[in-house]
Amino acid sequence: QVQLVESGGGLVQAGGSLRLSCAASGRTFSMAAMGWFRQAPGKEREFVAAIKWSDFEIYYADSVKGRFTISRDNRNNLMYLQMNSLKPEDTAVYYCAADMESFRAASFSTMTPKYRYFYDFWGQGTQVTVSS
């Protein structure tokens, strides 16, 4: 089991920045990759970014490329999402997720990490609200 706790959400004006954190505990040594997803009211949960735990490979959704940066701190079992140039359409609950097996040997270039079914554990989410 892996437990995930997100933090860092809040209210920010358009053009502003926020940094989200995800703290992982439990069987973190078995994690293969972690990702960020978001869900706006009335919409499906969508992929934002992912990072492999072993080799730092990274993958972004087109909607956040150039504005968001995903990173990780293996020693402290933390993952971050630096969000810059925020837009009102970025308003959502942001979730972190952990994959235990799917990307252990697979590359993001051969298997896109954007599908929810790859991820085994999920956090409770943190609200991000961007005002116009």
Foldseek 3Di string as FASTA:
>chain_A
DKAKAKDWADEAAAQAKTKMKIAIDDVLVQFQKKFKWWDDPPGDIWGAKMATPPPGAIDGDPVQPPFWDWDADSVRRMIMIIGGRDDQVVWTWMKMFTARPPRNPPHCVVPPPTDPVRTDDMYPTDTHGYHD
